[in-house]
PDB file of N, CA and C in Angstrom:
ATOM      1  N   UNK A   1     222.639 227.456 -20.083  1.00  0.00           N
ATOM      2  CA  UNK A   1     223.430 226.134 -19.330  1.00  0.00           C
ATOM      3  C   UNK A   1     221.583 224.863 -19.220  1.00  0.00           C
ATOM      4  N   UNK A   2     221.832 223.527 -20.111  1.00  0.00           N
ATOM      5  CA  UNK A   2     220.356 223.477 -19.557  1.00  0.00           C
ATOM      6  C   UNK A   2     220.512 222.131 -18.647  1.00  0.00           C
ATOM      7  N   UNK A   3     219.463 222.334 -18.527  1.00  0.00           N
ATOM      8  CA  UNK A   3     218.891 221.312 -16.991  1.00  0.00           C
ATOM      9  C   UNK A   3     219.931 220.652 -16.398  1.00  0.00           C
ATOM     10  N   UNK A   4     220.764 219.267 -17.159  1.00  0.00           N
ATOM     11  CA  UNK A   4     221.957 218.311 -16.858  1.00  0.00           C
ATOM     12  C   UNK A   4     222.804 219.339 -16.383  1.00  0.00           C
ATOM     13  N   UNK A   5     222.941 220.545 -16.250  1.00  0.00           N
ATOM     14  CA  UNK A   5     224.152 220.935 -16.367  1.00  0.00           C
ATOM     15  C   UNK A   5     225.029 221.561 -17.472  1.00  0.00           C
ATOM     16  N   UNK A   6     225.045 220.806 -19.155  1.00  0.00           N
ATOM     17  CA  UNK A   6     225.514 220.903 -19.800  1.00  0.00           C
ATOM     18  C   UNK A   6     225.463 222.188 -20.696  1.00  0.00           C
ATOM     19  N   UNK A   7     226.436 222.860 -21.096  1.00  0.00           N
ATOM     20  CA  UNK A   7     226.162 224.244 -21.841  1.00  0.00           C
ATOM     21  C   UNK A   7     226.307 224.260 -22.968  1.00  0.00           C
ATOM     22  N   UNK A   8     226.162 224.796 -23.243  1.00  0.00           N
ATOM     23  CA  UNK A   8     225.604 224.524 -25.051  1.00  0.00           C
ATOM     24  C   UNK A   8     226.180 226.023 -25.518  1.00  0.00           C
ATOM     25  N   UNK A   9     226.871 225.852 -26.525  1.00  0.00           N
ATOM     26  CA  UNK A   9     227.500 227.429 -26.975  1.00  0.00           C
ATOM     27  C   UNK A   9     226.769 227.727 -27.859  1.00  0.00           C
ATOM     28  N   UNK A  10     226.992 229.081 -27.251  1.00  0.00           N
ATOM     29  CA  UNK A  10     226.383 230.457 -28.396  1.00  0.00           C
ATOM     30  C   UNK A  10     225.049 230.567 -29.416  1.00  0.00           C
ATOM     31  N   UNK A  11     226.371 229.407 -30.459  1.00  0.00           N
ATOM     32  CA  UNK A  11     225.647 230.020 -31.328  1.00  0.00           C
ATOM     33  C   UNK A  11     224.185 228.509 -31.695  1.00  0.00           C
ATOM     34  N   UNK A  12     224.171 228.107 -30.761  1.00  0.00           N
ATOM     35  CA  UNK A  12     223.250 226.861 -30.594  1.00  0.00           C
ATOM     36  C   UNK A  12     222.098 227.751 -29.423  1.00  0.00           C
ATOM     37  N   UNK A  13     222.155 228.639 -28.645  1.00  0.00           N
ATOM     38  CA  UNK A  13     221.439 229.064 -27.622  1.00  0.00           C
ATOM     39  C   UNK A  13     220.037 229.380 -28.544  1.00  0.00           C
ATOM     40  N   UNK A  14     219.561 229.792 -29.794  1.00  0.00           N
ATOM     41  CA  UNK A  14     218.190 229.920 -30.094  1.00  0.00           C
ATOM     42  C   UNK A  14     217.744 228.334 -30.769  1.00  0.00           C
ATOM     43  N   UNK A  15     218.493 227.298 -30.935  1.00  0.00           N
ATOM     44  CA  UNK A  15     217.581 225.788 -31.339  1.00  0.00           C
ATOM     45  C   UNK A  15     217.258 225.723 -29.879  1.00  0.00           C
ATOM     46  N   UNK A  16     217.902 225.746 -28.516  1.00  0.00           N
ATOM     47  CA  UNK A  16     217.597 225.385 -27.776  1.00  0.00           C
ATOM     48  C   UNK A  16     216.682 226.454 -27.163  1.00  0.00           C
ATOM     49  N   UNK A  17     216.608 227.050 -27.396  1.00  0.00           N
ATOM     50  CA  UNK A  17     215.261 228.337 -26.706  1.00  0.00           C
ATOM     51  C   UNK A  17     214.016 228.187 -27.425  1.00  0.00           C
ATOM     52  N   UNK A  18     213.715 227.107 -28.703  1.00  0.00           N
ATOM     53  CA  UNK A  18     212.602 227.108 -29.299  1.00  0.00           C
ATOM     54  C   UNK A  18     211.659 225.641 -29.077  1.00  0.00           C
ATOM     55  N   UNK A  19     212.383 224.916 -28.647  1.00  0.00           N
ATOM     56  CA  UNK A  19     211.840 223.385 -28.221  1.00  0.00           C
ATOM     57  C   UNK A  19     211.080 223.610 -27.178  1.00  0.00           C
ATOM     58  N   UNK A  20     209.626 222.631 -27.162  1.00  0.00           N
ATOM     59  CA  UNK A  20     208.617 222.429 -26.262  1.00  0.00           C
ATOM     60  C   UNK A  20     209.436 222.602 -24.613  1.00  0.00           C
ATOM     61  N   UNK A  21     209.118 222.069 -23.705  1.00  0.00           N
ATOM     62  CA  UNK A  21     208.993 221.680 -22.694  1.00  0.00           C
ATOM     63  C   UNK A  21     208.960 220.334 -22.869  1.00  0.00           C
ATOM     64  N   UNK A  22     208.209 219.346 -23.682  1.00  0.00           N
ATOM     65  CA  UNK A  22     207.793 218.344 -23.732  1.00  0.00           C
ATOM     66  C   UNK A  22     207.405 217.178 -24.798  1.00  0.00           C
ATOM     67  N   UNK A  23     207.844 216.485 -24.917  1.00  0.00           N
ATOM     68  CA  UNK A  23     207.906 215.967 -26.314  1.00  0.00           C
ATOM     69  C   UNK A  23     206.508 215.998 -26.971  1.00  0.00           C
ATOM     70  N   UNK A  24     205.312 215.415 -25.096  1.00  0.00           N
ATOM     71  CA  UNK A  24     204.044 215.213 -25.325  1.00  0.00           C
ATOM     72  C   UNK A  24     203.405 216.966 -25.920  1.00  0.00           C
ATOM     73  N   UNK A  25     204.210 217.693 -26.318  1.00  0.00           N
ATOM     74  CA  UNK A  25     203.468 219.001 -26.799  1.00  0.00           C
ATOM     75  C   UNK A  25     203.720 218.635 -28.499  1.00  0.00           C
ATOM     76  N   UNK A  26     204.283 218.088 -28.956  1.00  0.00           N
ATOM     77  CA  UNK A  26     203.841 217.677 -30.590  1.00  0.00           C
ATOM     78  C   UNK A  26     203.116 217.051 -30.498  1.00  0.00           C
ATOM     79  N   UNK A  27     202.151 217.362 -31.334  1.00  0.00           N
ATOM     80  CA  UNK A  27     200.882 216.887 -31.059  1.00  0.00           C
ATOM     81  C   UNK A  27     200.372 216.735 -33.383  1.00  0.00           C
ATOM     82  N   UNK A  28     201.090 217.540 -33.982  1.00  0.00           N
ATOM     83  CA  UNK A  28     201.356 217.226 -34.871  1.00  0.00           C
ATOM     84  C   UNK A  28     200.485 215.980 -35.419  1.00  0.00           C
ATOM     85  N   UNK A  29     200.128 216.147 -37.330  1.00  0.00           N
ATOM     86  CA  UNK A  29     199.840 214.901 -37.418  1.00  0.00           C
ATOM     87  C   UNK A  29     200.626 214.107 -37.329  1.00  0.00           C
ATOM     88  N   UNK A  30     200.233 212.885 -37.999  1.00  0.00           N
ATOM     89  CA  UNK A  30     200.175 211.563 -37.768  1.00  0.00           C
ATOM     90  C   UNK A  30     200.026 210.417 -39.171  1.00  0.00           C
ATOM     91  N   UNK A  31     198.895 211.555 -39.660  1.00  0.00           N
ATOM     92  CA  UNK A  31     198.892 210.340 -41.308  1.00  0.00           C
ATOM     93  C   UNK A  31     198.460 211.544 -42.630  1.00  0.00           C
ATOM     94  N   UNK A  32     198.127 211.282 -43.521  1.00  0.00           N
ATOM     95  CA  UNK A  32     197.940 212.582 -45.122  1.00  0.00           C
ATOM     96  C   UNK A  32     199.016 213.164 -44.955  1.00  0.00           C
ATOM     97  N   UNK A  33     198.295 214.002 -46.129  1.00  0.00           N
ATOM     98  CA  UNK A  33     199.311 214.864 -45.973  1.00  0.00           C
ATOM     99  C   UNK A  33     199.661 216.094 -45.664  1.00  0.00           C
ATOM    100  N   UNK A  34     200.628 216.829 -45.520  1.00  0.00           N
ATOM    101  CA  UNK A  34     200.870 218.259 -44.616  1.00  0.00           C
ATOM    102  C   UNK A  34     201.554 219.182 -45.608  1.00  0.00           C
ATOM    103  N   UNK A  35     200.903 220.859 -45.074  1.00  0.00           N
ATOM    104  CA  UNK A  35     201.154 221.463 -46.522  1.00  0.00           C
ATOM    105  C   UNK A  35     202.816 222.376 -45.539  1.00  0.00           C
ATOM    106  N   UNK A  36     203.439 222.223 -45.355  1.00  0.00           N
ATOM    107  CA  UNK A  36     204.914 223.260 -44.704  1.00  0.00           C
ATOM    108  C   UNK A  36     204.071 224.651 -44.991  1.00  0.00           C
ATOM    109  N   UNK A  37     204.398 226.338 -44.636  1.00  0.00           N
ATOM    110  CA  UNK A  37     204.540 227.148 -44.659  1.00  0.00           C
ATOM    111  C   UNK A  37     206.096 227.784 -45.271  1.00  0.00           C
ATOM    112  N   UNK A  38     205.532 228.724 -47.016  1.00  0.00           N
ATOM    113  CA  UNK A  38     206.826 228.826 -47.173  1.00  0.00           C
ATOM    114  C   UNK A  38     207.456 229.475 -46.244  1.00  0.00           C
ATOM    115  N   UNK A  39     208.135 230.132 -44.572  1.00  0.00           N
ATOM    116  CA  UNK A  39     209.371 229.874 -43.970  1.00  0.00           C
ATOM    117  C   UNK A  39     209.666 228.666 -43.782  1.00  0.00           C
ATOM    118  N   UNK A  40     209.075 227.572 -43.593  1.00  0.00           N
ATOM    119  CA  UNK A  40     210.179 226.393 -43.888  1.00  0.00           C
ATOM    120  C   UNK A  40     210.117 225.467 -44.780  1.00  0.00           C
ATOM    121  N   UNK A  41     209.259 225.975 -45.633  1.00  0.00           N
ATOM    122  CA  UNK A  41     209.519 225.108 -46.911  1.00  0.00           C
ATOM    123  C   UNK A  41     209.977 226.735 -48.306  1.00  0.00           C
ATOM    124  N   UNK A  42     210.761 226.992 -47.970  1.00  0.00           N
ATOM    125  CA  UNK A  42     211.433 228.127 -49.197  1.00  0.00           C
ATOM    126  C   UNK A  42     211.588 227.401 -50.173  1.00  0.00           C
ATOM    127  N   UNK A  43     212.665 226.194 -50.177  1.00  0.00           N
ATOM    128  CA  UNK A  43     213.082 225.659 -51.485  1.00  0.00           C
ATOM    129  C   UNK A  43     212.328 225.052 -51.736  1.00  0.00           C
ATOM    130  N   UNK A  44     211.696 223.883 -52.840  1.00  0.00           N
ATOM    131  CA  UNK A  44     211.726 222.689 -52.664  1.00  0.00           C
ATOM    132  C   UNK A  44     209.969 222.615 -52.765  1.00  0.00           C
ATOM    133  N   UNK A  45     210.513 221.622 -52.028  1.00  0.00           N
ATOM    134  CA  UNK A  45     208.879 220.375 -52.017  1.00  0.00           C
ATOM    135  C   UNK A  45     208.307 221.319 -50.620  1.00  0.00           C
ATOM    136  N   UNK A  46     206.958 221.907 -50.523  1.00  0.00           N
ATOM    137  CA  UNK A  46     205.770 222.349 -49.853  1.00  0.00           C
ATOM    138  C   UNK A  46     205.042 221.085 -48.798  1.00  0.00           C
ATOM    139  N   UNK A  47     203.954 220.323 -50.138  1.00  0.00           N
ATOM    140  CA  UNK A  47     202.990 218.986 -49.324  1.00  0.00           C
ATOM    141  C   UNK A  47     204.269 217.259 -49.078  1.00  0.00           C
ATOM    142  N   UNK A  48     203.869 217.581 -47.929  1.00  0.00           N
ATOM    143  CA  UNK A  48     204.788 216.011 -47.531  1.00  0.00           C
ATOM    144  C   UNK A  48     203.673 214.998 -47.529  1.00  0.00           C
ATOM    145  N   UNK A  49     203.765 213.751 -48.252  1.00  0.00           N
ATOM    146  CA  UNK A  49     202.233 212.755 -47.678  1.00  0.00           C
ATOM    147  C   UNK A  49     202.918 212.134 -46.944  1.00  0.00           C
ATOM    148  N   UNK A  50     202.855 211.992 -45.854  1.00  0.00           N
ATOM    149  CA  UNK A  50     203.042 211.107 -44.296  1.00  0.00           C
ATOM    150  C   UNK A  50     203.807 209.532 -44.333  1.00  0.00           C
ATOM    151  N   UNK A  51     202.770 208.923 -45.387  1.00  0.00           N
ATOM    152  CA  UNK A  51     202.881 207.820 -45.777  1.00  0.00           C
ATOM    153  C   UNK A  51     203.406 207.531 -46.262  1.00  0.00           C
ATOM    154  N   UNK A  52     204.368 208.369 -47.227  1.00  0.00           N
ATOM    155  CA  UNK A  52     206.209 208.349 -47.790  1.00  0.00           C
ATOM    156  C   UNK A  52     207.390 207.919 -46.690  1.00  0.00           C
ATOM    157  N   UNK A  53     207.469 207.403 -46.297  1.00  0.00           N
ATOM    158  CA  UNK A  53     208.477 207.475 -45.547  1.00  0.00           C
ATOM    159  C   UNK A  53     210.156 208.481 -45.671  1.00  0.00           C
ATOM    160  N   UNK A  54     210.054 208.549 -47.122  1.00  0.00           N
ATOM    161  CA  UNK A  54     211.481 209.252 -47.520  1.00  0.00           C
ATOM    162  C   UNK A  54     210.600 210.548 -47.146  1.00  0.00           C
ATOM    163  N   UNK A  55     209.087 211.239 -47.310  1.00  0.00           N
ATOM    164  CA  UNK A  55     208.765 212.558 -47.124  1.00  0.00           C
ATOM    165  C   UNK A  55     208.827 212.485 -46.178  1.00  0.00           C
ATOM    166  N   UNK A  56     208.639 211.613 -45.185  1.00  0.00           N
ATOM    167  CA  UNK A  56     208.458 211.998 -43.815  1.00  0.00           C
ATOM    168  C   UNK A  56     209.585 212.250 -43.327  1.00  0.00           C
ATOM    169  N   UNK A  57     209.850 211.370 -43.204  1.00  0.00           N
ATOM    170  CA  UNK A  57     211.573 212.209 -42.978  1.00  0.00           C
ATOM    171  C   UNK A  57     212.211 213.763 -43.438  1.00  0.00           C
ATOM    172  N   UNK A  58     211.916 213.878 -44.508  1.00  0.00           N
ATOM    173  CA  UNK A  58     212.222 214.782 -45.365  1.00  0.00           C
ATOM    174  C   UNK A  58     211.561 216.162 -44.395  1.00  0.00           C
ATOM    175  N   UNK A  59     210.249 215.939 -44.093  1.00  0.00           N
ATOM    176  CA  UNK A  59     209.675 217.153 -43.720  1.00  0.00           C
ATOM    177  C   UNK A  59     210.278 217.301 -42.607  1.00  0.00           C
ATOM    178  N   UNK A  60     209.812 216.164 -41.794  1.00  0.00           N
ATOM    179  CA  UNK A  60     210.584 216.109 -39.872  1.00  0.00           C
ATOM    180  C   UNK A  60     211.801 216.824 -39.604  1.00  0.00           C
ATOM    181  N   UNK A  61     212.973 216.691 -41.112  1.00  0.00           N
ATOM    182  CA  UNK A  61     214.213 217.450 -41.372  1.00  0.00           C
ATOM    183  C   UNK A  61     214.114 218.782 -40.982  1.00  0.00           C
ATOM    184  N   UNK A  62     213.418 219.243 -42.414  1.00  0.00           N
ATOM    185  CA  UNK A  62     212.704 220.616 -42.458  1.00  0.00           C
ATOM    186  C   UNK A  62     212.710 220.903 -40.890  1.00  0.00           C
ATOM    187  N   UNK A  63     211.307 220.918 -40.149  1.00  0.00           N
ATOM    188  CA  UNK A  63     210.903 221.404 -39.156  1.00  0.00           C
ATOM    189  C   UNK A  63     211.904 221.546 -37.829  1.00  0.00           C
ATOM    190  N   UNK A  64     212.274 220.007 -37.838  1.00  0.00           N
ATOM    191  CA  UNK A  64     213.542 220.516 -36.368  1.00  0.00           C
ATOM    192  C   UNK A  64     214.632 221.472 -36.723  1.00  0.00           C
ATOM    193  N   UNK A  65     214.864 221.528 -38.070  1.00  0.00           N
ATOM    194  CA  UNK A  65     216.236 222.335 -38.448  1.00  0.00           C
ATOM    195  C   UNK A  65     215.945 223.494 -38.779  1.00  0.00           C
ATOM    196  N   UNK A  66     214.760 224.756 -39.253  1.00  0.00           N
ATOM    197  CA  UNK A  66     214.058 225.554 -39.152  1.00  0.00           C
ATOM    198  C   UNK A  66     212.973 226.471 -38.519  1.00  0.00           C
ATOM    199  N   UNK A  67     212.261 224.998 -37.590  1.00  0.00           N
ATOM    200  CA  UNK A  67     210.816 225.397 -37.696  1.00  0.00           C
ATOM    201  C   UNK A  67     210.938 226.383 -36.017  1.00  0.00           C
ATOM    202  N   UNK A  68     209.796 227.315 -35.814  1.00  0.00           N
ATOM    203  CA  UNK A  68     210.032 228.279 -34.643  1.00  0.00           C
ATOM    204  C   UNK A  68     209.227 227.102 -33.074  1.00  0.00           C
ATOM    205  N   UNK A  69     209.209 227.578 -32.239  1.00  0.00           N
ATOM    206  CA  UNK A  69     208.324 225.891 -31.289  1.00  0.00           C
ATOM    207  C   UNK A  69     207.350 226.528 -31.833  1.00  0.00           C
ATOM    208  N   UNK A  70     206.150 227.365 -32.162  1.00  0.00           N
ATOM    209  CA  UNK A  70     204.779 226.849 -33.423  1.00  0.00           C
ATOM    210  C   UNK A  70     204.825 225.847 -33.775  1.00  0.00           C
ATOM    211  N   UNK A  71     205.987 226.298 -34.637  1.00  0.00           N
ATOM    212  CA  UNK A  71     206.223 225.410 -35.517  1.00  0.00           C
ATOM    213  C   UNK A  71     206.663 223.461 -35.485  1.00  0.00           C
ATOM    214  N   UNK A  72     207.171 223.673 -34.641  1.00  0.00           N
ATOM    215  CA  UNK A  72     207.701 222.543 -34.104  1.00  0.00           C
ATOM    216  C   UNK A  72     206.169 221.482 -33.704  1.00  0.00           C
ATOM    217  N   UNK A  73     205.378 222.778 -32.693  1.00  0.00           N
ATOM    218  CA  UNK A  73     204.226 221.792 -32.093  1.00  0.00           C
ATOM    219  C   UNK A  73     203.464 221.307 -33.060  1.00  0.00           C
ATOM    220  N   UNK A  74     202.835 222.484 -33.512  1.00  0.00           N
ATOM    221  CA  UNK A  74     201.733 221.708 -35.415  1.00  0.00           C
ATOM    222  C   UNK A  74     202.344 221.437 -36.407  1.00  0.00           C
ATOM    223  N   UNK A  75     203.659 220.968 -35.815  1.00  0.00           N
ATOM    224  CA  UNK A  75     203.535 219.888 -37.655  1.00  0.00           C
ATOM    225  C   UNK A  75     204.593 218.246 -37.365  1.00  0.00           C
ATOM    226  N   UNK A  76     204.752 218.183 -36.449  1.00  0.00           N
ATOM    227  CA  UNK A  76     206.036 217.720 -35.466  1.00  0.00           C
ATOM    228  C   UNK A  76     204.989 216.282 -35.018  1.00  0.00           C
ATOM    229  N   UNK A  77     204.759 215.211 -34.645  1.00  0.00           N
ATOM    230  CA  UNK A  77     204.194 214.400 -33.588  1.00  0.00           C
ATOM    231  C   UNK A  77     205.036 213.434 -32.650  1.00  0.00           C
ATOM    232  N   UNK A  78     205.368 214.000 -31.392  1.00  0.00           N
ATOM    233  CA  UNK A  78     205.888 212.792 -30.578  1.00  0.00           C
ATOM    234  C   UNK A  78     206.241 211.332 -30.854  1.00  0.00           C
ATOM    235  N   UNK A  79     204.779 210.564 -30.914  1.00  0.00           N
ATOM    236  CA  UNK A  79     205.189 209.299 -31.636  1.00  0.00           C
ATOM    237  C   UNK A  79     206.260 209.511 -32.741  1.00  0.00           C
ATOM    238  N   UNK A  80     206.101 209.850 -33.977  1.00  0.00           N
ATOM    239  CA  UNK A  80     206.307 209.632 -34.996  1.00  0.00           C
ATOM    240  C   UNK A  80     208.065 210.485 -35.048  1.00  0.00           C
ATOM    241  N   UNK A  81     207.955 211.682 -33.810  1.00  0.00           N
ATOM    242  CA  UNK A  81     209.547 211.856 -33.918  1.00  0.00           C
ATOM    243  C   UNK A  81     210.815 210.492 -32.949  1.00  0.00           C
ATOM    244  N   UNK A  82     210.246 210.295 -31.647  1.00  0.00           N
ATOM    245  CA  UNK A  82     210.464 209.371 -31.379  1.00  0.00           C
ATOM    246  C   UNK A  82     210.935 208.160 -32.015  1.00  0.00           C
ATOM    247  N   UNK A  83     210.362 207.270 -32.987  1.00  0.00           N
ATOM    248  CA  UNK A  83     209.864 206.034 -33.913  1.00  0.00           C
ATOM    249  C   UNK A  83     210.475 206.272 -35.018  1.00  0.00           C
ATOM    250  N   UNK A  84     211.588 207.469 -35.390  1.00  0.00           N
ATOM    251  CA  UNK A  84     212.173 208.351 -36.398  1.00  0.00           C
ATOM    252  C   UNK A  84     213.667 208.556 -36.170  1.00  0.00           C
ATOM    253  N   UNK A  85     213.004 208.980 -35.066  1.00  0.00           N
ATOM    254  CA  UNK A  85     214.813 209.162 -34.372  1.00  0.00           C
ATOM    255  C   UNK A  85     215.861 208.778 -34.461  1.00  0.00           C
ATOM    256  N   UNK A  86     216.178 207.109 -34.375  1.00  0.00           N
ATOM    257  CA  UNK A  86     217.338 206.817 -35.040  1.00  0.00           C
ATOM    258  C   UNK A  86     217.714 207.304 -36.401  1.00  0.00           C
ATOM    259  N   UNK A  87     217.052 207.536 -37.538  1.00  0.00           N
ATOM    260  CA  UNK A  87     216.881 207.940 -38.564  1.00  0.00           C
ATOM    261  C   UNK A  87     217.677 209.220 -39.169  1.00  0.00           C
ATOM    262  N   UNK A  88     216.324 210.179 -38.319  1.00  0.00           N
ATOM    263  CA  UNK A  88     216.149 212.081 -38.061  1.00  0.00           C
ATOM    264  C   UNK A  88     217.840 212.375 -38.141  1.00  0.00           C
ATOM    265  N   UNK A  89     218.457 211.677 -36.901  1.00  0.00           N
ATOM    266  CA  UNK A  89     219.589 212.171 -36.236  1.00  0.00           C
ATOM    267  C   UNK A  89     220.435 212.783 -36.842  1.00  0.00           C
ATOM    268  N   UNK A  90     220.464 210.905 -37.962  1.00  0.00           N
ATOM    269  CA  UNK A  90     221.573 211.182 -38.934  1.00  0.00           C
ATOM    270  C   UNK A  90     221.671 213.033 -39.817  1.00  0.00           C
ATOM    271  N   UNK A  91     220.655 212.740 -39.912  1.00  0.00           N
ATOM    272  CA  UNK A  91     219.751 213.710 -40.556  1.00  0.00           C
ATOM    273  C   UNK A  91     220.181 215.746 -40.633  1.00  0.00           C
ATOM    274  N   UNK A  92     220.858 215.543 -39.047  1.00  0.00           N
ATOM    275  CA  UNK A  92     220.311 216.418 -38.615  1.00  0.00           C
ATOM    276  C   UNK A  92     221.966 216.907 -38.271  1.00  0.00           C
ATOM    277  N   UNK A  93     221.559 218.525 -38.522  1.00  0.00           N
ATOM    278  CA  UNK A  93     223.455 218.862 -37.752  1.00  0.00           C
ATOM    279  C   UNK A  93     224.164 218.320 -36.506  1.00  0.00           C
ATOM    280  N   UNK A  94     225.178 218.312 -35.800  1.00  0.00           N
ATOM    281  CA  UNK A  94     225.289 218.254 -34.292  1.00  0.00           C
ATOM    282  C   UNK A  94     224.732 218.668 -33.540  1.00  0.00           C
ATOM    283  N   UNK A  95     224.727 220.327 -33.588  1.00  0.00           N
ATOM    284  CA  UNK A  95     224.282 220.894 -32.885  1.00  0.00           C
ATOM    285  C   UNK A  95     222.362 221.083 -32.851  1.00  0.00           C
ATOM    286  N   UNK A  96     221.895 220.837 -33.673  1.00  0.00           N
ATOM    287  CA  UNK A  96     220.340 220.430 -33.196  1.00  0.00           C
ATOM    288  C   UNK A  96     219.930 219.733 -32.856  1.00  0.00           C
ATOM    289  N   UNK A  97     220.882 218.100 -33.424  1.00  0.00           N
ATOM    290  CA  UNK A  97     220.894 217.145 -32.506  1.00  0.00           C
ATOM    291  C   UNK A  97     220.862 216.678 -31.599  1.00  0.00           C
ATOM    292  N   UNK A  98     222.325 217.572 -30.602  1.00  0.00           N
ATOM    293  CA  UNK A  98     222.533 217.719 -29.287  1.00  0.00           C
ATOM    294  C   UNK A  98     220.982 218.527 -28.360  1.00  0.00           C
ATOM    295  N   UNK A  99     221.136 219.628 -28.926  1.00  0.00           N
ATOM    296  CA  UNK A  99     220.053 220.529 -27.936  1.00  0.00           C
ATOM    297  C   UNK A  99     218.550 219.469 -27.993  1.00  0.00           C
ATOM    298  N   UNK A 100     218.150 218.270 -29.067  1.00  0.00           N
ATOM    299  CA  UNK A 100     217.091 217.634 -29.066  1.00  0.00           C
ATOM    300  C   UNK A 100     217.363 216.650 -28.080  1.00  0.00           C
ATOM    301  N   UNK A 101     218.241 215.802 -28.007  1.00  0.00           N
ATOM    302  CA  UNK A 101     218.875 215.052 -27.395  1.00  0.00           C
ATOM    303  C   UNK A 101     219.347 215.162 -26.011  1.00  0.00           C
ATOM    304  N   UNK A 102     219.804 217.126 -25.295  1.00  0.00           N
ATOM    305  CA  UNK A 102     219.972 216.640 -24.181  1.00  0.00           C
ATOM    306  C   UNK A 102     219.203 217.389 -23.477  1.00  0.00           C
ATOM    307  N   UNK A 103     217.587 218.325 -24.198  1.00  0.00           N
ATOM    308  CA  UNK A 103     216.483 218.231 -23.670  1.00  0.00           C
ATOM    309  C   UNK A 103     215.865 217.196 -23.123  1.00  0.00           C
ATOM    310  N   UNK A 104     215.628 216.103 -24.413  1.00  0.00           N
ATOM    311  CA  UNK A 104     214.897 215.058 -24.151  1.00  0.00           C
ATOM    312  C   UNK A 104     215.978 213.785 -24.388  1.00  0.00           C
ATOM    313  N   UNK A 105     215.814 213.432 -23.433  1.00  0.00           N
ATOM    314  CA  UNK A 105     217.045 211.981 -22.790  1.00  0.00           C
ATOM    315  C   UNK A 105     216.574 210.460 -24.091  1.00  0.00           C
ATOM    316  N   UNK A 106     215.187 210.261 -24.071  1.00  0.00           N
ATOM    317  CA  UNK A 106     214.073 209.346 -24.325  1.00  0.00           C
ATOM    318  C   UNK A 106     214.929 209.150 -25.851  1.00  0.00           C
ATOM    319  N   UNK A 107     214.750 210.693 -26.587  1.00  0.00           N
ATOM    320  CA  UNK A 107     215.443 210.408 -27.668  1.00  0.00           C
ATOM    321  C   UNK A 107     216.627 209.309 -27.903  1.00  0.00           C
ATOM    322  N   UNK A 108     217.465 210.136 -27.040  1.00  0.00           N
ATOM    323  CA  UNK A 108     219.328 209.472 -27.337  1.00  0.00           C
ATOM    324  C   UNK A 108     218.729 208.008 -26.976  1.00  0.00           C
ATOM    325  N   UNK A 109     217.914 207.143 -25.954  1.00  0.00           N
ATOM    326  CA  UNK A 109     217.515 206.311 -25.530  1.00  0.00           C
ATOM    327  C   UNK A 109     217.136 205.568 -26.819  1.00  0.00           C
ATOM    328  N   UNK A 110     216.264 205.917 -27.784  1.00  0.00           N
ATOM    329  CA  UNK A 110     215.612 205.535 -28.821  1.00  0.00           C
ATOM    330  C   UNK A 110     216.824 205.702 -29.610  1.00  0.00           C
ATOM    331  N   UNK A 111     217.130 206.097 -29.354  1.00  0.00           N
ATOM    332  CA  UNK A 111     218.952 205.698 -30.889  1.00  0.00           C
ATOM    333  C   UNK A 111     219.407 205.081 -30.535  1.00  0.00           C
ATOM    334  N   UNK A 112     219.774 204.398 -29.276  1.00  0.00           N
ATOM    335  CA  UNK A 112     220.782 203.053 -28.663  1.00  0.00           C
ATOM    336  C   UNK A 112     220.439 202.175 -29.049  1.00  0.00           C
ATOM    337  N   UNK A 113     219.033 201.928 -29.050  1.00  0.00           N
ATOM    338  CA  UNK A 113     218.461 201.019 -29.281  1.00  0.00           C
ATOM    339  C   UNK A 113     218.234 199.491 -30.855  1.00  0.00           C
TER     340      UNK A 113
END
């Protein structure tokens, strides 16, 4: 059960468990090229230029969907996540999107703007 009393289906518990306690923990890079390790980018592109919005969104989708707690903190940036959440949330599966929005209501608010 989450802090707001909402219960996620058991199949999404692993997603909720890996989330940071606060968005401020997400201190990943904001500029330049980023190389993801093979355990995240195992099929295809591994280097993402954050100045290219499509590559940035692709990298964030990969990390949000597949990253462990340490990956989320190392590769995601709170400002970038908030700014791009309205588009990112569409690319994520419902369970991942719901976990992030329930833990961080400010993301849901960003999507509504």
